[in-house]
Protein backbone atom coordinates (compact mmCIF):
# COMPACT_ATOMS: atom_id res chain seq x y z
CA MET A 1 -12.51 -57.82 -53.31
CA THR A 2 -11.97 -57.88 -57.08
CA THR A 3 -12.40 -61.32 -58.64
CA ARG A 4 -9.51 -62.45 -60.83
CA ALA A 5 -10.50 -63.00 -64.45
CA THR A 6 -10.37 -66.60 -65.59
CA ILE A 7 -9.69 -68.27 -68.91
CA ALA A 8 -13.42 -69.04 -69.12
CA ASP A 9 -14.20 -65.31 -68.84
CA VAL A 10 -11.85 -64.55 -71.70
CA ALA A 11 -13.37 -67.34 -73.78
CA ARG A 12 -16.91 -65.97 -73.27
CA LEU A 13 -15.91 -62.42 -74.18
CA ALA A 14 -13.94 -63.53 -77.24
CA GLY A 15 -16.62 -66.01 -78.33
CA VAL A 16 -14.26 -69.00 -78.48
CA HIS A 17 -13.59 -72.22 -76.60
CA ALA A 18 -11.39 -72.07 -73.48
CA GLY A 19 -8.88 -74.35 -75.19
CA THR A 20 -8.53 -71.81 -77.99
CA VAL A 21 -7.76 -69.11 -75.43
CA SER A 22 -5.06 -71.29 -73.91
CA ARG A 23 -3.45 -71.91 -77.28
CA ALA A 24 -3.74 -68.28 -78.40
CA LEU A 25 -2.05 -66.92 -75.27
CA ASN A 26 0.78 -69.46 -75.27
CA PRO A 27 3.73 -68.42 -77.47
CA LYS A 28 4.47 -72.10 -78.09
CA THR A 29 1.04 -72.82 -79.60
CA GLU A 30 -0.31 -69.51 -80.90
CA GLY A 31 0.74 -70.50 -84.42
CA ARG A 32 -1.98 -73.17 -84.39
CA VAL A 33 -4.69 -70.50 -84.06
CA ASN A 34 -5.98 -68.14 -86.75
CA ARG A 35 -4.28 -64.73 -86.47
CA ALA A 36 -7.57 -62.85 -86.25
CA THR A 37 -8.69 -65.14 -83.44
CA VAL A 38 -5.40 -64.63 -81.59
CA ALA A 39 -5.86 -60.88 -81.83
CA ARG A 40 -9.49 -61.15 -80.59
CA VAL A 41 -8.47 -63.32 -77.66
CA ARG A 42 -5.67 -60.94 -76.70
CA ARG A 43 -8.03 -57.96 -76.80
CA ALA A 44 -10.46 -59.78 -74.55
CA ALA A 45 -7.68 -60.78 -72.14
CA LYS A 46 -6.41 -57.21 -71.98
CA GLN A 47 -9.93 -55.83 -71.43
CA LEU A 48 -10.49 -58.23 -68.53
CA GLY A 49 -7.00 -57.83 -67.10
CA TYR A 50 -6.37 -61.56 -67.52
CA THR A 51 -2.82 -62.93 -67.34
CA PRO A 52 -1.99 -66.63 -67.82
CA ASN A 53 -1.16 -68.58 -64.67
CA SER A 54 2.39 -69.72 -65.40
CA ILE A 55 2.43 -72.12 -62.44
CA ALA A 56 -0.67 -73.94 -63.65
CA ARG A 57 0.68 -73.95 -67.18
CA GLY A 58 3.92 -75.46 -65.95
CA LEU A 59 2.07 -78.22 -64.12
CA ARG A 60 0.11 -79.06 -67.26
CA THR A 61 3.26 -79.26 -69.37
CA SER A 62 5.60 -80.81 -66.74
CA SER A 63 7.71 -77.67 -67.07
CA SER A 64 8.96 -75.26 -64.44
CA LEU A 65 9.24 -72.48 -67.04
CA THR A 66 12.62 -71.54 -65.54
CA VAL A 67 16.12 -71.62 -66.99
CA GLY A 68 19.30 -71.77 -64.94
CA VAL A 69 22.00 -69.26 -65.95
CA VAL A 70 25.51 -70.03 -64.70
CA VAL A 71 28.01 -67.14 -64.74
CA PRO A 72 31.55 -67.05 -63.31
CA ASP A 73 31.57 -63.47 -62.01
CA LEU A 74 28.63 -61.07 -62.02
CA THR A 75 30.97 -58.20 -61.10
CA ASN A 76 32.65 -58.58 -64.51
CA PRO A 77 30.94 -55.90 -66.63
CA ILE A 78 30.36 -58.20 -69.61
CA PHE A 79 27.89 -60.47 -67.81
CA PRO A 80 25.03 -58.12 -66.81
CA PRO A 81 24.21 -57.21 -70.44
CA MET A 82 24.48 -60.89 -71.36
CA VAL A 83 21.98 -61.80 -68.63
CA ARG A 84 19.68 -58.98 -69.77
CA GLY A 85 19.79 -60.43 -73.27
CA ILE A 86 18.86 -63.86 -71.94
CA GLU A 87 15.94 -62.43 -69.96
CA SER A 88 14.73 -60.42 -72.97
CA ALA A 89 14.30 -63.64 -74.97
CA LEU A 90 12.88 -65.75 -72.12
CA ALA A 91 10.21 -63.38 -70.80
CA PRO A 92 8.00 -63.20 -73.93
CA ARG A 93 7.84 -67.01 -73.91
CA GLY A 94 6.75 -67.15 -70.27
CA TYR A 95 10.13 -68.27 -68.89
CA SER A 96 12.23 -66.70 -66.16
CA ALA A 97 15.93 -67.00 -65.36
CA VAL A 98 17.51 -68.23 -62.14
CA ILE A 99 21.05 -66.82 -62.04
CA VAL A 100 23.93 -68.27 -60.05
CA ASN A 101 27.45 -66.91 -59.64
CA THR A 102 30.31 -69.43 -59.36
CA ASP A 103 33.22 -67.08 -58.58
CA GLY A 104 35.12 -69.05 -61.24
CA ARG A 105 35.32 -72.10 -58.96
CA ASP A 106 34.59 -75.52 -60.44
CA ASP A 107 33.57 -77.01 -57.09
CA LEU A 108 31.07 -74.22 -56.44
CA GLU A 109 29.77 -74.48 -59.99
CA ARG A 110 28.95 -78.15 -59.51
CA LEU A 111 27.11 -77.43 -56.26
CA LEU A 112 25.12 -74.60 -57.81
CA VAL A 113 24.23 -76.60 -60.91
CA ASP A 114 22.99 -79.43 -58.67
CA SER A 115 20.87 -76.87 -56.82
CA LEU A 116 19.38 -75.60 -60.09
CA LEU A 117 18.55 -79.14 -61.20
CA GLN A 118 16.90 -79.85 -57.87
CA ARG A 119 14.71 -76.82 -58.55
CA GLN A 120 13.77 -78.58 -61.80
CA VAL A 121 14.90 -75.88 -64.22
CA ASP A 122 14.00 -76.83 -67.78
CA GLY A 123 17.49 -76.17 -69.11
CA LEU A 124 20.75 -74.37 -68.49
CA ILE A 125 22.79 -71.60 -70.07
CA PHE A 126 26.48 -71.77 -69.20
CA ALA A 127 28.58 -68.61 -69.47
CA THR A 128 31.57 -70.54 -68.10
CA GLY A 129 33.85 -72.60 -70.28
CA HIS A 130 36.77 -74.30 -68.57
CA SER A 131 38.58 -76.93 -70.59
CA GLU A 132 37.77 -79.39 -67.78
CA HIS A 133 34.10 -78.51 -67.45
CA ALA A 134 32.93 -81.15 -64.97
CA ALA A 135 29.50 -79.65 -64.32
CA ALA A 136 28.65 -79.34 -68.02
CA ALA A 137 29.87 -82.90 -68.64
CA GLU A 138 27.56 -84.22 -65.92
CA VAL A 139 24.64 -82.22 -67.28
CA PHE A 140 25.26 -83.64 -70.75
CA GLU A 141 25.42 -87.21 -69.42
CA ARG A 142 22.05 -86.70 -67.70
CA GLY A 143 20.45 -85.61 -70.97
CA ILE A 144 19.62 -82.08 -69.76
CA LYS A 145 19.28 -79.39 -72.42
CA ALA A 146 21.94 -76.67 -72.20
CA VAL A 147 23.64 -74.00 -74.29
CA MET A 148 27.05 -72.37 -73.91
CA VAL A 149 27.33 -68.61 -74.32
CA ASN A 150 30.48 -66.55 -74.98
CA ARG A 151 32.63 -69.67 -74.52
CA ASP A 152 32.76 -73.25 -75.71
CA ALA A 153 32.72 -76.32 -73.51
CA ARG A 154 35.46 -78.10 -75.38
CA GLY A 155 34.79 -81.78 -75.79
CA ILE A 156 31.10 -81.46 -74.82
CA PRO A 157 28.80 -81.09 -77.84
CA PHE A 158 26.44 -78.49 -76.41
CA PRO A 159 25.27 -75.77 -78.79
CA ALA A 160 27.25 -72.54 -78.34
CA VAL A 161 26.82 -68.85 -79.14
CA VAL A 162 30.10 -66.95 -79.29
CA GLY A 163 31.65 -63.79 -80.65
CA ASP A 164 34.15 -64.01 -83.50
CA ASP A 165 37.22 -63.81 -81.25
CA ALA A 166 39.74 -64.65 -83.95
CA ALA A 167 38.42 -61.95 -86.28
CA GLY A 168 38.59 -59.42 -83.45
CA ILE A 169 42.26 -60.16 -82.80
CA ARG A 170 43.05 -59.99 -86.52
CA ASP A 171 41.42 -56.56 -86.73
CA VAL A 172 43.44 -55.36 -83.72
CA LEU A 173 46.75 -56.45 -85.23
CA ASP A 174 45.88 -55.02 -88.64
CA HIS A 175 45.16 -51.69 -86.93
CA LEU A 176 48.44 -51.74 -84.98
CA ALA A 177 50.47 -52.77 -88.02
CA ALA A 178 48.93 -49.93 -90.04
CA LEU A 179 50.06 -47.51 -87.30
CA GLY A 180 53.62 -48.82 -87.62
CA HIS A 181 53.88 -51.16 -84.63
CA ARG A 182 56.20 -54.13 -85.00
CA ARG A 183 56.86 -55.34 -81.44
CA VAL A 184 53.60 -56.46 -79.81
CA VAL A 185 52.78 -58.43 -76.66
CA HIS A 186 49.53 -60.30 -76.01
CA LEU A 187 48.29 -60.56 -72.43
CA ALA A 188 46.37 -63.77 -73.03
CA GLY A 189 43.37 -64.94 -71.02
CA PRO A 190 43.66 -68.15 -69.00
CA ALA A 191 44.40 -71.22 -71.09
CA SER A 192 41.55 -72.99 -69.27
CA PHE A 193 39.02 -70.79 -71.11
CA SER A 194 38.21 -71.19 -74.79
CA THR A 195 38.33 -67.41 -75.25
CA GLY A 196 41.89 -67.35 -73.92
CA THR A 197 43.16 -70.04 -76.26
CA ILE A 198 41.27 -68.85 -79.36
CA ARG A 199 42.45 -65.25 -79.01
CA ALA A 200 46.04 -66.29 -78.29
CA ALA A 201 46.14 -68.63 -81.28
CA ALA A 202 44.73 -65.91 -83.55
CA PHE A 203 47.37 -63.49 -82.24
CA VAL A 204 50.25 -65.86 -83.06
CA THR A 205 48.88 -66.63 -86.53
CA ARG A 206 48.23 -63.03 -87.50
CA CYS A 207 51.59 -61.79 -86.19
CA ALA A 208 53.29 -64.35 -88.43
CA GLU A 209 51.20 -63.28 -91.42
CA LEU A 210 52.01 -59.59 -90.86
CA GLY A 211 55.67 -60.13 -90.01
CA LEU A 212 55.27 -58.74 -86.50
CA GLU A 213 57.43 -59.64 -83.53
CA GLY A 214 54.70 -61.03 -81.29
CA ARG A 215 54.98 -62.51 -77.80
CA VAL A 216 52.29 -64.16 -75.68
CA VAL A 217 52.19 -64.14 -71.87
CA ALA A 218 49.34 -65.99 -70.18
CA ALA A 219 47.24 -64.59 -67.35
CA ALA A 220 46.00 -66.73 -64.48
CA ALA A 221 42.70 -64.80 -64.51
CA TYR A 222 40.84 -62.17 -66.49
CA SER A 223 41.53 -59.48 -63.89
CA VAL A 224 42.99 -56.00 -63.43
CA ASP A 225 45.61 -57.32 -60.99
CA GLU A 226 46.83 -59.89 -63.52
CA GLY A 227 47.03 -57.24 -66.22
CA THR A 228 49.17 -55.08 -63.94
CA ARG A 229 51.45 -57.96 -62.97
CA LEU A 230 51.99 -59.18 -66.53
CA THR A 231 52.58 -55.70 -67.93
CA ARG A 232 55.25 -54.95 -65.34
CA GLY A 233 56.92 -58.19 -66.38
CA VAL A 234 57.02 -57.34 -70.09
CA LEU A 235 58.19 -53.72 -69.86
CA GLY A 236 61.76 -54.71 -69.04
CA ASP A 237 64.61 -53.07 -70.90
CA PRO A 238 63.45 -49.97 -72.85
CA ALA A 239 65.40 -51.21 -75.87
CA ASP A 240 63.28 -54.39 -75.91
CA ARG A 241 60.02 -52.85 -74.75
CA PRO A 242 56.91 -53.64 -76.81
CA THR A 243 55.33 -50.66 -78.52
CA ALA A 244 51.85 -52.13 -78.14
CA ILE A 245 50.00 -54.43 -75.74
CA VAL A 246 47.00 -56.45 -76.89
CA ALA A 247 45.05 -57.59 -73.84
CA GLY A 248 42.79 -60.63 -73.75
CA ASN A 249 40.01 -58.52 -72.22
CA ASP A 250 39.36 -54.99 -70.99
CA LEU A 251 40.17 -55.83 -67.36
CA LEU A 252 43.65 -57.02 -68.33
CA ALA A 253 44.01 -53.86 -70.44
CA LEU A 254 43.02 -51.70 -67.47
CA GLY A 255 45.73 -53.44 -65.46
CA ALA A 256 48.18 -52.52 -68.22
CA TYR A 257 47.15 -48.87 -67.81
CA HIS A 258 47.95 -49.09 -64.08
CA ALA A 259 51.36 -50.69 -64.70
CA LEU A 260 52.36 -48.12 -67.31
CA ARG A 261 51.51 -45.25 -64.97
CA ALA A 262 53.41 -46.90 -62.11
CA GLU A 263 56.47 -47.11 -64.37
CA GLY A 264 56.16 -43.47 -65.43
CA LEU A 265 55.15 -44.39 -68.96
CA ARG A 266 52.36 -42.87 -71.01
CA CYS A 267 49.66 -44.54 -73.09
CA PRO A 268 49.71 -44.29 -76.06
CA ASP A 269 52.84 -42.09 -76.30
CA ASP A 270 55.16 -44.82 -74.98
CA VAL A 271 53.01 -47.94 -75.32
CA SER A 272 49.66 -48.42 -77.07
CA VAL A 273 47.08 -50.64 -75.34
CA VAL A 274 44.11 -52.50 -76.82
CA GLY A 275 41.41 -54.33 -74.87
CA PHE A 276 38.73 -56.82 -75.83
CA ASN A 277 34.96 -56.69 -75.06
CA ASP A 278 34.26 -52.93 -74.96
CA MET A 279 32.86 -53.12 -71.45
CA PRO A 280 30.79 -50.18 -70.16
CA PHE A 281 32.80 -46.99 -69.56
CA ALA A 282 35.79 -48.17 -71.64
CA GLY A 283 35.37 -44.95 -73.60
CA ASP A 284 35.63 -42.95 -70.36
CA PHE A 285 39.05 -44.29 -69.33
CA GLN A 286 42.10 -42.05 -69.59
CA PRO A 287 42.94 -42.40 -72.39
CA PRO A 288 39.70 -43.80 -73.86
CA MET A 289 40.37 -47.46 -74.62
CA THR A 290 40.66 -48.91 -78.10
CA THR A 291 38.97 -52.29 -77.83
CA VAL A 292 36.97 -54.96 -79.65
CA ARG A 293 33.22 -54.59 -79.17
CA VAL A 294 31.46 -57.89 -78.47
CA PRO A 295 27.63 -57.91 -78.67
CA HIS A 296 27.06 -59.37 -75.20
CA PHE A 297 23.33 -58.60 -75.08
CA ASP A 298 22.84 -60.30 -78.45
CA LEU A 299 24.94 -63.28 -77.34
CA GLY A 300 22.64 -63.78 -74.37
CA ALA A 301 19.45 -63.34 -76.37
CA GLU A 302 20.60 -65.76 -79.08
CA ALA A 303 21.65 -68.35 -76.48
CA ALA A 304 18.23 -68.15 -74.83
CA ARG A 305 16.45 -68.51 -78.18
CA LEU A 306 18.63 -71.49 -79.02
CA LEU A 307 17.79 -73.16 -75.70
CA LEU A 308 14.06 -72.46 -76.08
CA GLY A 309 14.20 -74.03 -79.51
CA GLN A 310 15.64 -77.17 -77.95
CA LEU A 311 13.10 -77.22 -75.13
CA GLU A 312 10.19 -76.85 -77.53
CA ALA A 313 11.46 -79.37 -80.07
CA GLU A 314 9.93 -82.81 -79.98
CA ALA A 315 13.19 -84.50 -80.96
CA THR A 316 15.59 -85.60 -78.24
CA GLY A 317 19.36 -85.35 -78.24
CA VAL A 318 21.73 -82.45 -78.74
CA SER A 319 22.58 -80.61 -81.94
CA PRO A 320 26.13 -79.23 -81.56
CA VAL A 321 25.41 -76.05 -83.53
CA ARG A 322 27.85 -73.15 -83.09
CA ILE A 323 26.58 -69.64 -83.78
CA VAL A 324 29.28 -66.99 -84.26
CA LEU A 325 28.25 -63.33 -83.98
CA PRO A 326 30.38 -60.57 -85.52
CA VAL A 327 32.56 -58.25 -83.43
CA HIS A 328 34.18 -54.99 -84.44
CA LEU A 329 37.13 -52.86 -83.45
CA VAL A 330 36.38 -49.54 -81.75
CA VAL A 331 39.38 -47.21 -82.15
CA ARG A 332 39.84 -44.64 -79.39
CA GLY A 333 42.74 -42.81 -77.79
CA SER A 334 44.82 -45.66 -76.38
CA THR A 335 46.47 -46.49 -79.72
CA ALA A 336 48.75 -44.29 -81.82
CA PRO A 337 51.86 -44.65 -83.99
CA PRO A 338 54.82 -45.86 -81.91
CA ASP A 339 57.31 -43.37 -80.49
CA GLN A 340 60.20 -43.41 -82.93
CA VAL A 341 62.65 -43.71 -80.02
CA HIS A 342 61.17 -47.13 -79.21
CA ALA A 343 60.16 -48.27 -82.66
CA ALA A 344 61.95 -51.23 -84.17
CA PRO A 345 64.24 -50.36 -87.12
CA GLY A 346 63.20 -50.98 -90.66
């Protein structure tokens, strides 16, 4: 049976003390070791096939080297790339992610967060952001390090990494106005989510600035079914029909596609539709969807780096930093100048 290489073996081959090996192979402490020595230690470790024992390291540092990641719905296409981004930042530092899915239920979220804390995760990354965020409030009160990603926990001063939602909505409305649209409806995300309220507020403000006739209808969920239901409700009288629909996310926009087809209407000939997020395959829809691209992988990676920075900092307490990453409009085939039969006069 092959004997597993030890830290002492690496130290002998590299010609250094075992403590130097430990520091050189730990991303948290490698900066304390001369670069040439770090390189020599790594070569020796690779030659011997040595890998650090993360369990033993965790025991020495009173750390589990795990991070809890709380998402509302893993079937929503925006969350897998976000989780991949988180893992990409955690793995090089010796951490792993424990992912839980809450199905958007506050009661289940609290149970799952309790379970993660019982497993002694070092910190949490929340991808959920209800206005009444009981689980996050309890975590904050217990002094546990956490970061919000994609959404804010309003009223709780956790650091957050978000996309520039307001800028995305402004770009959408500028695009539609340039095409000649004047009557626009926003299928807003739930008011209980920060993304829903921020995007809706930006829609109202920009419509006023551009002189557009804008109307907001709120969805109960970010879902295809809600997009279908709301779109059927706003089609109404052809004389008062909106020429464009701005959806709070791509799932609501996909629901708008379904409703338009059910009513015998064409996109974009009769009504243009814009989504938000640029989820996978949005460019393969019929017609390909114009939408706002949000860097979900980068959001996850930045949130993980922010949390690791907190975990490795000697200072206690929370710094309510808010990092905003840029988004950009991707124009495809679901938007076009309005049909002159339906366009507003003037």
